[in-house]
Amino acid sequence: MATDTANERTLDGVVVGNAPLIRVRGLVNRFDEQVVHDGVDLDVRRGEILGVVGGSGTGKSVLMRAILGLRTPQAGTIDVLGVDALSDDPVNRRHIERNTGVLFQDGALFSSLTVGENVQVPLKEYYPDLPDSLRYELALLKIKLAGLPADALDKLPSQLSGGMRKRAGLARALALDPPLLFLDEPTAGLDPIGAAAFDDLIRTLQQALGLTVFLITHDLDTLYAICDRVAVLADRKLLAAAPVTELEQLDHPWVQEYFNGPRGRAAREAR
C-alpha cells in the first residue's frame, strides 16, 4: 500500500517524510451527557515515545481506543499510518491492525493458551500459511526480545509473575514487527526495580526497532526516563504536548501539582 503527497509517503505501513504517524483533529468523545474530549488535536511523530497523562476521567484510554478504531467518536478525524482510522473500509482497518501492536494494562493474554501460543495468535491470523515450526521460532524470538527466558514459552499466564505477564503481552504486541506500539499503563503494579527495568526495555526496543510508541502512564519516573514528549489531557482538551522540562513551566493547576509536587520533584531529581 503506497500513497504520496507533498509532505508524506506511506509504504508498507510506514509513513516517511514530515507527516506524523498519528494525526488527530477535532476529536469529540461523549458518553451520554458526559463530554470527555471536546476538540482534541494531537500529532504523534515518527520515532518518538509519546507519554500521555491526565487526571482521572480525562479520557486517556478513550483516546487510545478511538485511535485504534475500538471506539467511534462523535466528531473529528483520525489518520493512522497514512490512512483514515475511522473508515469502514476493511482494507484500511486491516492495514492499521497489521501495523500496530498493543499492550493493554492487564496484558490481555488468553489464559488457556501458553505464552508461546499467545504470541502466535497474530501470526496465525495474518500469516496462516507459515509452517508451525517457523511460527514457533518466531514466537521464541519475540519472547526473548521481551526479556523473558526461553522456558516461558510453554508456561500458562497464571504461572508467571505480573511483570513477566506484561513482558509476554509485549512479546505478542511485537509479533508482527509493527512500526507503531501502544502501551496502556505498562508499569502499573510493578515494583520500582521492575518498573525501571521495563522502562529500559521499552527504550531499548524503540531505538533498536525504530518504533513509534504511544504510552499511557501515571508513572512520573517513566515520563522523565524515556518519553521524548508528554501529551497532557485536561479540561476536555489536549492542554499541551511537549518535553517534560517545558511542561514543568506550564501555568495550569493540575500540571503544576503533577510535575512540581513531591513525587514530580523526586522523579526529576532521580533522573
C-alpha atoms as a PDB file:
ATOM      1  CA  MET A   1       0.000   0.000   0.000  1.00  0.00           C
ATOM      2  CA  ALA A   2       1.502   3.346  -1.015  1.00  0.00           C
ATOM      3  CA  THR A   3       0.266   6.942  -1.119  1.00  0.00           C
ATOM      4  CA  ASP A   4       2.111  10.138  -1.985  1.00  0.00           C
ATOM      5  CA  THR A   5       1.581  13.804  -1.101  1.00  0.00           C
ATOM      6  CA  ALA A   6       3.911  16.786  -0.913  1.00  0.00           C
ATOM      7  CA  ASN A   7       4.854  16.003   2.675  1.00  0.00           C
ATOM      8  CA  GLU A   8       4.489  12.287   3.176  1.00  0.00           C
ATOM      9  CA  ARG A   9       4.752   8.853   1.652  1.00  0.00           C
ATOM     10  CA  THR A  10       3.161   5.716   3.057  1.00  0.00           C
ATOM     11  CA  LEU A  11       4.740   2.433   2.061  1.00  0.00           C
ATOM     12  CA  ASP A  12       4.058  -0.972   3.633  1.00  0.00           C
ATOM     13  CA  GLY A  13       2.675   0.567   6.795  1.00  0.00           C
ATOM     14  CA  VAL A  14       5.460   3.070   7.423  1.00  0.00           C
ATOM     15  CA  VAL A  15       4.949   6.805   6.953  1.00  0.00           C
ATOM     16  CA  VAL A  16       8.105   8.573   5.853  1.00  0.00           C
ATOM     17  CA  GLY A  17       8.685  12.262   5.322  1.00  0.00           C
ATOM     18  CA  ASN A  18       7.299  15.033   7.509  1.00  0.00           C
ATOM     19  CA  ALA A  19       3.885  13.570   8.309  1.00  0.00           C
ATOM     20  CA  PRO A  20       3.121  12.274  11.816  1.00  0.00           C
ATOM     21  CA  LEU A  21       2.235   8.604  12.170  1.00  0.00           C
ATOM     22  CA  ILE A  22      -0.914   9.610  14.067  1.00  0.00           C
ATOM     23  CA  ARG A  23      -2.876  12.796  13.363  1.00  0.00           C
ATOM     24  CA  VAL A  24      -5.956  13.585  15.459  1.00  0.00           C
ATOM     25  CA  ARG A  25      -8.067  16.661  14.703  1.00  0.00           C
ATOM     26  CA  GLY A  26     -11.203  17.994  16.396  1.00  0.00           C
ATOM     27  CA  LEU A  27     -11.845  14.783  18.322  1.00  0.00           C
ATOM     28  CA  VAL A  28     -15.052  14.646  20.354  1.00  0.00           C
ATOM     29  CA  ASN A  29     -15.825  11.725  22.655  1.00  0.00           C
ATOM     30  CA  ARG A  30     -19.021  11.764  24.650  1.00  0.00           C
ATOM     31  CA  PHE A  31     -20.843   9.278  26.858  1.00  0.00           C
ATOM     32  CA  ASP A  32     -24.493  10.382  27.035  1.00  0.00           C
ATOM     33  CA  GLU A  33     -24.246  13.870  28.550  1.00  0.00           C
ATOM     34  CA  GLN A  34     -20.656  13.473  29.731  1.00  0.00           C
ATOM     35  CA  VAL A  35     -18.178  15.103  27.334  1.00  0.00           C
ATOM     36  CA  VAL A  36     -14.729  13.546  27.702  1.00  0.00           C
ATOM     37  CA  HIS A  37     -12.998  15.187  24.741  1.00  0.00           C
ATOM     38  CA  ASP A  38     -14.178  18.379  23.090  1.00  0.00           C
ATOM     39  CA  GLY A  39     -11.954  19.136  20.104  1.00  0.00           C
ATOM     40  CA  VAL A  40      -8.705  17.281  20.844  1.00  0.00           C
ATOM     41  CA  ASP A  41      -5.846  17.820  18.361  1.00  0.00           C
ATOM     42  CA  LEU A  42      -2.753  15.613  18.589  1.00  0.00           C
ATOM     43  CA  ASP A  43       0.195  14.585  16.423  1.00  0.00           C
ATOM     44  CA  VAL A  44       2.419  11.609  17.200  1.00  0.00           C
ATOM     45  CA  ARG A  45       5.723  11.955  15.413  1.00  0.00           C
ATOM     46  CA  ARG A  46       7.557   9.107  13.764  1.00  0.00           C
ATOM     47  CA  GLY A  47      10.206   7.551  16.018  1.00  0.00           C
ATOM     48  CA  GLU A  48       9.195   9.199  19.286  1.00  0.00           C
ATOM     49  CA  ILE A  49       7.969   7.876  22.611  1.00  0.00           C
ATOM     50  CA  LEU A  50       4.946   9.994  23.466  1.00  0.00           C
ATOM     51  CA  GLY A  51       3.693   9.780  27.040  1.00  0.00           C
ATOM     52  CA  VAL A  52       0.010  10.540  27.624  1.00  0.00           C
ATOM     53  CA  VAL A  53      -1.055  11.795  31.053  1.00  0.00           C
ATOM     54  CA  GLY A  54      -4.070  13.402  32.672  1.00  0.00           C
ATOM     55  CA  GLY A  55      -6.204  13.258  35.747  1.00  0.00           C
ATOM     56  CA  SER A  56      -8.867  10.633  36.352  1.00  0.00           C
ATOM     57  CA  GLY A  57     -11.658  10.914  33.802  1.00  0.00           C
ATOM     58  CA  THR A  58      -9.690  12.855  31.194  1.00  0.00           C
ATOM     59  CA  GLY A  59     -10.043  10.006  28.694  1.00  0.00           C
ATOM     60  CA  LYS A  60      -6.527   8.707  28.156  1.00  0.00           C
ATOM     61  CA  SER A  61      -7.679   5.167  27.362  1.00  0.00           C
ATOM     62  CA  VAL A  62     -10.690   6.525  25.461  1.00  0.00           C
ATOM     63  CA  LEU A  63      -8.288   8.430  23.204  1.00  0.00           C
ATOM     64  CA  MET A  64      -6.198   5.325  22.612  1.00  0.00           C
ATOM     65  CA  ARG A  65      -9.255   3.202  21.833  1.00  0.00           C
ATOM     66  CA  ALA A  66     -10.508   5.813  19.353  1.00  0.00           C
ATOM     67  CA  ILE A  67      -7.142   5.873  17.576  1.00  0.00           C
ATOM     68  CA  LEU A  68      -7.158   2.066  17.406  1.00  0.00           C
ATOM     69  CA  GLY A  69     -10.669   2.009  15.976  1.00  0.00           C
ATOM     70  CA  LEU A  70     -12.127   0.311  19.059  1.00  0.00           C
ATOM     71  CA  ARG A  71     -14.441   3.262  19.679  1.00  0.00           C
ATOM     72  CA  THR A  72     -16.249   5.560  17.252  1.00  0.00           C
ATOM     73  CA  PRO A  73     -16.004   9.216  18.353  1.00  0.00           C
ATOM     74  CA  GLN A  74     -18.876  11.647  17.974  1.00  0.00           C
ATOM     75  CA  ALA A  75     -16.801  14.004  15.806  1.00  0.00           C
ATOM     76  CA  GLY A  76     -13.302  14.566  14.475  1.00  0.00           C
ATOM     77  CA  THR A  77     -10.783  12.861  12.208  1.00  0.00           C
ATOM     78  CA  ILE A  78      -8.029  10.354  12.951  1.00  0.00           C
ATOM     79  CA  ASP A  79      -5.302   9.334  10.489  1.00  0.00           C
ATOM     80  CA  VAL A  80      -3.028   6.441  11.433  1.00  0.00           C
ATOM     81  CA  LEU A  81      -0.113   5.349   9.261  1.00  0.00           C
ATOM     82  CA  GLY A  82      -1.434   7.424   6.378  1.00  0.00           C
ATOM     83  CA  VAL A  83      -4.999   6.079   6.295  1.00  0.00           C
ATOM     84  CA  ASP A  84      -8.343   7.125   7.774  1.00  0.00           C
ATOM     85  CA  ALA A  85      -8.685   5.259  11.064  1.00  0.00           C
ATOM     86  CA  LEU A  86     -12.429   5.936  11.205  1.00  0.00           C
ATOM     87  CA  SER A  87     -13.128   4.472   7.781  1.00  0.00           C
ATOM     88  CA  ASP A  88     -15.286   1.381   7.443  1.00  0.00           C
ATOM     89  CA  ASP A  89     -13.065   0.200   4.597  1.00  0.00           C
ATOM     90  CA  PRO A  90     -11.795  -3.251   5.637  1.00  0.00           C
ATOM     91  CA  VAL A  91      -8.542  -2.654   3.760  1.00  0.00           C
ATOM     92  CA  ASN A  92      -7.828   0.418   5.899  1.00  0.00           C
ATOM     93  CA  ARG A  93      -8.736  -1.427   9.094  1.00  0.00           C
ATOM     94  CA  ARG A  94      -6.504  -4.371   8.276  1.00  0.00           C
ATOM     95  CA  HIS A  95      -3.652  -2.047   7.303  1.00  0.00           C
ATOM     96  CA  ILE A  96      -3.776  -0.343  10.705  1.00  0.00           C
ATOM     97  CA  GLU A  97      -4.252  -3.565  12.672  1.00  0.00           C
ATOM     98  CA  ARG A  98      -1.370  -5.258  10.848  1.00  0.00           C
ATOM     99  CA  ASN A  99       0.993  -2.375  11.633  1.00  0.00           C
ATOM    100  CA  THR A 100       0.149  -1.667  15.265  1.00  0.00           C
ATOM    101  CA  GLY A 101       0.942  -3.597  18.423  1.00  0.00           C
ATOM    102  CA  VAL A 102      -0.989  -3.095  21.664  1.00  0.00           C
ATOM    103  CA  LEU A 103      -0.116  -3.917  25.261  1.00  0.00           C
ATOM    104  CA  PHE A 104      -3.184  -3.441  27.446  1.00  0.00           C
ATOM    105  CA  GLN A 105      -2.798  -2.744  31.138  1.00  0.00           C
ATOM    106  CA  ASP A 106      -3.596  -6.290  32.277  1.00  0.00           C
ATOM    107  CA  GLY A 107      -1.709  -7.937  29.430  1.00  0.00           C
ATOM    108  CA  ALA A 108      -4.965  -9.348  27.983  1.00  0.00           C
ATOM    109  CA  LEU A 109      -3.408 -12.784  27.473  1.00  0.00           C
ATOM    110  CA  PHE A 110      -5.575 -15.802  26.706  1.00  0.00           C
ATOM    111  CA  SER A 111      -5.494 -17.720  29.998  1.00  0.00           C
ATOM    112  CA  SER A 112      -5.996 -21.123  28.370  1.00  0.00           C
ATOM    113  CA  LEU A 113      -3.064 -20.697  25.955  1.00  0.00           C
ATOM    114  CA  THR A 114       0.621 -20.924  26.734  1.00  0.00           C
ATOM    115  CA  VAL A 115       2.768 -17.830  26.334  1.00  0.00           C
ATOM    116  CA  GLY A 116       4.099 -19.178  23.060  1.00  0.00           C
ATOM    117  CA  GLU A 117       0.599 -19.851  21.778  1.00  0.00           C
ATOM    118  CA  ASN A 118      -0.470 -16.341  22.789  1.00  0.00           C
ATOM    119  CA  VAL A 119       2.385 -14.823  20.794  1.00  0.00           C
ATOM    120  CA  GLN A 120       1.487 -16.976  17.798  1.00  0.00           C
ATOM    121  CA  VAL A 121      -2.136 -15.750  17.674  1.00  0.00           C
ATOM    122  CA  PRO A 122      -1.448 -12.704  15.423  1.00  0.00           C
ATOM    123  CA  LEU A 123       0.967 -14.756  13.326  1.00  0.00           C
ATOM    124  CA  LYS A 124      -1.749 -17.331  12.644  1.00  0.00           C
ATOM    125  CA  GLU A 125      -4.241 -14.602  11.745  1.00  0.00           C
ATOM    126  CA  TYR A 126      -2.036 -12.709   9.302  1.00  0.00           C
ATOM    127  CA  TYR A 127       0.244 -15.498   8.085  1.00  0.00           C
ATOM    128  CA  PRO A 128      -1.874 -18.674   8.191  1.00  0.00           C
ATOM    129  CA  ASP A 129       0.368 -20.473   5.723  1.00  0.00           C
ATOM    130  CA  LEU A 130       3.511 -20.226   7.845  1.00  0.00           C
ATOM    131  CA  PRO A 131       4.832 -23.628   8.909  1.00  0.00           C
ATOM    132  CA  ASP A 132       4.231 -24.427  12.574  1.00  0.00           C
ATOM    133  CA  SER A 133       7.965 -24.743  13.170  1.00  0.00           C
ATOM    134  CA  LEU A 134       8.609 -21.230  11.862  1.00  0.00           C
ATOM    135  CA  ARG A 135       5.783 -19.757  13.952  1.00  0.00           C
ATOM    136  CA  TYR A 136       7.298 -21.461  16.980  1.00  0.00           C
ATOM    137  CA  GLU A 137      10.739 -19.996  16.256  1.00  0.00           C
ATOM    138  CA  LEU A 138       9.281 -16.505  15.709  1.00  0.00           C
ATOM    139  CA  ALA A 139       7.371 -16.727  18.991  1.00  0.00           C
ATOM    140  CA  LEU A 140      10.543 -17.781  20.798  1.00  0.00           C
ATOM    141  CA  LEU A 141      12.416 -14.847  19.252  1.00  0.00           C
ATOM    142  CA  LYS A 142       9.782 -12.333  20.389  1.00  0.00           C
ATOM    143  CA  ILE A 143       9.718 -13.818  23.893  1.00  0.00           C
ATOM    144  CA  LYS A 144      13.468 -13.412  24.203  1.00  0.00           C
ATOM    145  CA  LEU A 145      13.215  -9.906  22.725  1.00  0.00           C
ATOM    146  CA  ALA A 146      10.784  -9.006  25.501  1.00  0.00           C
ATOM    147  CA  GLY A 147      13.292 -10.154  28.113  1.00  0.00           C
ATOM    148  CA  LEU A 148      11.711 -13.487  29.044  1.00  0.00           C
ATOM    149  CA  PRO A 149      13.612 -16.762  29.377  1.00  0.00           C
ATOM    150  CA  ALA A 150      13.047 -19.404  26.716  1.00  0.00           C
ATOM    151  CA  ASP A 151      11.230 -21.710  29.137  1.00  0.00           C
ATOM    152  CA  ALA A 152       8.439 -19.114  29.471  1.00  0.00           C
ATOM    153  CA  LEU A 153       7.277 -20.226  26.030  1.00  0.00           C
ATOM    154  CA  ASP A 154       5.460 -23.289  27.373  1.00  0.00           C
ATOM    155  CA  LYS A 155       4.051 -21.743  30.546  1.00  0.00           C
ATOM    156  CA  LEU A 156       0.500 -20.553  31.093  1.00  0.00           C
ATOM    157  CA  PRO A 157      -0.038 -16.882  32.043  1.00  0.00           C
ATOM    158  CA  SER A 158      -1.138 -17.996  35.523  1.00  0.00           C
ATOM    159  CA  GLN A 159       2.335 -19.443  36.067  1.00  0.00           C
ATOM    160  CA  LEU A 160       4.034 -16.078  35.501  1.00  0.00           C
ATOM    161  CA  SER A 161       4.567 -13.103  37.774  1.00  0.00           C
ATOM    162  CA  GLY A 162       2.829  -9.825  36.965  1.00  0.00           C
ATOM    163  CA  GLY A 163       5.968  -8.394  35.419  1.00  0.00           C
ATOM    164  CA  MET A 164       6.508 -11.485  33.287  1.00  0.00           C
ATOM    165  CA  ARG A 165       2.904 -11.379  32.063  1.00  0.00           C
ATOM    166  CA  LYS A 166       3.462  -7.808  30.902  1.00  0.00           C
ATOM    167  CA  ARG A 167       6.555  -8.914  29.021  1.00  0.00           C
ATOM    168  CA  ALA A 168       4.590 -11.781  27.482  1.00  0.00           C
ATOM    169  CA  GLY A 169       1.940  -9.283  26.381  1.00  0.00           C
ATOM    170  CA  LEU A 170       4.693  -7.118  24.920  1.00  0.00           C
ATOM    171  CA  ALA A 171       6.087 -10.112  23.007  1.00  0.00           C
ATOM    172  CA  ARG A 172       2.657 -10.668  21.451  1.00  0.00           C
ATOM    173  CA  ALA A 173       2.354  -6.950  20.622  1.00  0.00           C
ATOM    174  CA  LEU A 174       5.667  -7.205  18.743  1.00  0.00           C
ATOM    175  CA  ALA A 175       4.790 -10.440  16.933  1.00  0.00           C
ATOM    176  CA  LEU A 176       4.129  -8.775  13.565  1.00  0.00           C
ATOM    177  CA  ASP A 177       7.045  -6.315  13.778  1.00  0.00           C
ATOM    178  CA  PRO A 178       4.731  -3.270  13.880  1.00  0.00           C
ATOM    179  CA  PRO A 179       6.164   0.235  13.443  1.00  0.00           C
ATOM    180  CA  LEU A 180       3.613   1.620  15.938  1.00  0.00           C
ATOM    181  CA  LEU A 181       3.275   0.402  19.530  1.00  0.00           C
ATOM    182  CA  PHE A 182       0.556   1.305  22.056  1.00  0.00           C
ATOM    183  CA  LEU A 183       1.196   0.757  25.775  1.00  0.00           C
ATOM    184  CA  ASP A 184      -1.522   1.246  28.414  1.00  0.00           C
ATOM    185  CA  GLU A 185      -0.020   1.711  31.895  1.00  0.00           C
ATOM    186  CA  PRO A 186       2.846  -0.740  31.220  1.00  0.00           C
ATOM    187  CA  THR A 187       4.485  -0.304  34.645  1.00  0.00           C
ATOM    188  CA  ALA A 188       1.283  -0.327  36.732  1.00  0.00           C
ATOM    189  CA  GLY A 189       1.552  -2.833  39.562  1.00  0.00           C
ATOM    190  CA  LEU A 190       5.299  -3.313  39.214  1.00  0.00           C
ATOM    191  CA  ASP A 191       7.776  -2.616  41.992  1.00  0.00           C
ATOM    192  CA  PRO A 192      10.224   0.270  41.363  1.00  0.00           C
ATOM    193  CA  ILE A 193      13.028  -2.031  40.203  1.00  0.00           C
ATOM    194  CA  GLY A 194      10.735  -3.937  37.853  1.00  0.00           C
ATOM    195  CA  ALA A 195       9.228  -0.706  36.527  1.00  0.00           C
ATOM    196  CA  ALA A 196      12.660   0.778  35.818  1.00  0.00           C
ATOM    197  CA  ALA A 197      13.723  -2.417  34.030  1.00  0.00           C
ATOM    198  CA  PHE A 198      10.564  -2.298  31.888  1.00  0.00           C
ATOM    199  CA  ASP A 199      11.231   1.357  31.033  1.00  0.00           C
ATOM    200  CA  ASP A 200      14.753   0.447  29.940  1.00  0.00           C
ATOM    201  CA  LEU A 201      13.372  -2.394  27.822  1.00  0.00           C
ATOM    202  CA  ILE A 202      10.905  -0.098  26.044  1.00  0.00           C
ATOM    203  CA  ARG A 203      13.573   2.489  25.258  1.00  0.00           C
ATOM    204  CA  THR A 204      15.984  -0.199  24.032  1.00  0.00           C
ATOM    205  CA  LEU A 205      13.360  -1.772  21.765  1.00  0.00           C
ATOM    206  CA  GLN A 206      12.237   1.620  20.491  1.00  0.00           C
ATOM    207  CA  GLN A 207      15.764   2.538  19.474  1.00  0.00           C
ATOM    208  CA  ALA A 208      16.687  -0.886  18.086  1.00  0.00           C
ATOM    209  CA  LEU A 209      13.476  -1.411  16.094  1.00  0.00           C
ATOM    210  CA  GLY A 210      12.712   2.196  15.162  1.00  0.00           C
ATOM    211  CA  LEU A 211       9.343   2.073  16.923  1.00  0.00           C
ATOM    212  CA  THR A 212       6.919   4.909  17.487  1.00  0.00           C
ATOM    213  CA  VAL A 213       5.376   4.497  20.948  1.00  0.00           C
ATOM    214  CA  PHE A 214       2.098   5.870  22.332  1.00  0.00           C
ATOM    215  CA  LEU A 215       2.370   5.334  26.080  1.00  0.00           C
ATOM    216  CA  ILE A 216      -0.349   5.993  28.664  1.00  0.00           C
ATOM    217  CA  THR A 217       1.108   6.206  32.157  1.00  0.00           C
ATOM    218  CA  HIS A 218       0.792   7.698  35.624  1.00  0.00           C
ATOM    219  CA  ASP A 219       4.417   6.874  36.373  1.00  0.00           C
ATOM    220  CA  LEU A 220       6.460  10.063  36.622  1.00  0.00           C
ATOM    221  CA  ASP A 221       9.689   8.070  36.575  1.00  0.00           C
ATOM    222  CA  THR A 222       8.688   6.706  33.156  1.00  0.00           C
ATOM    223  CA  LEU A 223       7.958  10.189  31.820  1.00  0.00           C
ATOM    224  CA  TYR A 224      11.354  11.513  32.877  1.00  0.00           C
ATOM    225  CA  ALA A 225      13.285   8.393  31.904  1.00  0.00           C
ATOM    226  CA  ILE A 226      12.116   7.526  28.397  1.00  0.00           C
ATOM    227  CA  CYS A 227       9.482   9.907  26.964  1.00  0.00           C
ATOM    228  CA  ASP A 228      10.544  12.344  24.255  1.00  0.00           C
ATOM    229  CA  ARG A 229       7.346  14.354  24.683  1.00  0.00           C
ATOM    230  CA  VAL A 230       4.359  14.201  27.000  1.00  0.00           C
ATOM    231  CA  ALA A 231       0.764  14.975  25.995  1.00  0.00           C
ATOM    232  CA  VAL A 232      -1.402  16.372  28.808  1.00  0.00           C
ATOM    233  CA  LEU A 233      -5.166  15.899  28.700  1.00  0.00           C
ATOM    234  CA  ALA A 234      -7.115  18.370  30.831  1.00  0.00           C
ATOM    235  CA  ASP A 235     -10.320  20.393  30.622  1.00  0.00           C
ATOM    236  CA  ARG A 236     -11.586  18.085  27.821  1.00  0.00           C
ATOM    237  CA  LYS A 237      -8.728  19.245  25.544  1.00  0.00           C
ATOM    238  CA  LEU A 238      -5.113  18.468  24.788  1.00  0.00           C
ATOM    239  CA  LEU A 239      -3.528  21.069  27.029  1.00  0.00           C
ATOM    240  CA  ALA A 240      -0.006  20.645  25.649  1.00  0.00           C
ATOM    241  CA  ALA A 241       2.373  18.145  24.061  1.00  0.00           C
ATOM    242  CA  ALA A 242       5.988  18.941  24.888  1.00  0.00           C
ATOM    243  CA  PRO A 243       9.109  17.653  26.661  1.00  0.00           C
ATOM    244  CA  VAL A 244       8.625  17.386  30.417  1.00  0.00           C
ATOM    245  CA  THR A 245      11.086  20.232  31.039  1.00  0.00           C
ATOM    246  CA  GLU A 246       8.715  22.547  29.176  1.00  0.00           C
ATOM    247  CA  LEU A 247       5.598  21.189  30.858  1.00  0.00           C
ATOM    248  CA  GLU A 248       7.081  21.949  34.271  1.00  0.00           C
ATOM    249  CA  GLN A 249       6.739  25.654  33.391  1.00  0.00           C
ATOM    250  CA  LEU A 250       3.132  25.441  32.227  1.00  0.00           C
ATOM    251  CA  ASP A 251       0.775  27.607  34.265  1.00  0.00           C
ATOM    252  CA  HIS A 252      -2.057  25.142  34.927  1.00  0.00           C
ATOM    253  CA  PRO A 253      -3.087  23.897  38.390  1.00  0.00           C
ATOM    254  CA  TRP A 254      -3.111  20.188  37.566  1.00  0.00           C
ATOM    255  CA  VAL A 255       0.172  20.366  35.649  1.00  0.00           C
ATOM    256  CA  GLN A 256       1.887  22.258  38.459  1.00  0.00           C
ATOM    257  CA  GLU A 257       0.651  19.829  41.094  1.00  0.00           C
ATOM    258  CA  TYR A 258       1.584  16.808  38.987  1.00  0.00           C
ATOM    259  CA  PHE A 259       5.056  17.791  37.774  1.00  0.00           C
ATOM    260  CA  ASN A 260       6.142  20.060  40.609  1.00  0.00           C
ATOM    261  CA  GLY A 261       4.603  18.236  43.554  1.00  0.00           C
ATOM    262  CA  PRO A 262       6.659  15.957  45.842  1.00  0.00           C
ATOM    263  CA  ARG A 263       6.528  12.937  43.524  1.00  0.00           C
ATOM    264  CA  GLY A 264       7.361  15.031  40.478  1.00  0.00           C
ATOM    265  CA  ARG A 265      10.346  16.593  42.214  1.00  0.00           C
ATOM    266  CA  ALA A 266      11.553  13.163  43.343  1.00  0.00           C
ATOM    267  CA  ALA A 267      11.295  11.776  39.803  1.00  0.00           C
ATOM    268  CA  ARG A 268      13.127  14.797  38.385  1.00  0.00           C
ATOM    269  CA  GLU A 269      15.912  14.528  40.941  1.00  0.00           C
ATOM    270  CA  ALA A 270      16.242  10.789  40.374  1.00  0.00           C
ATOM    271  CA  ARG A 271      16.562  11.407  36.656  1.00  0.00           C
END
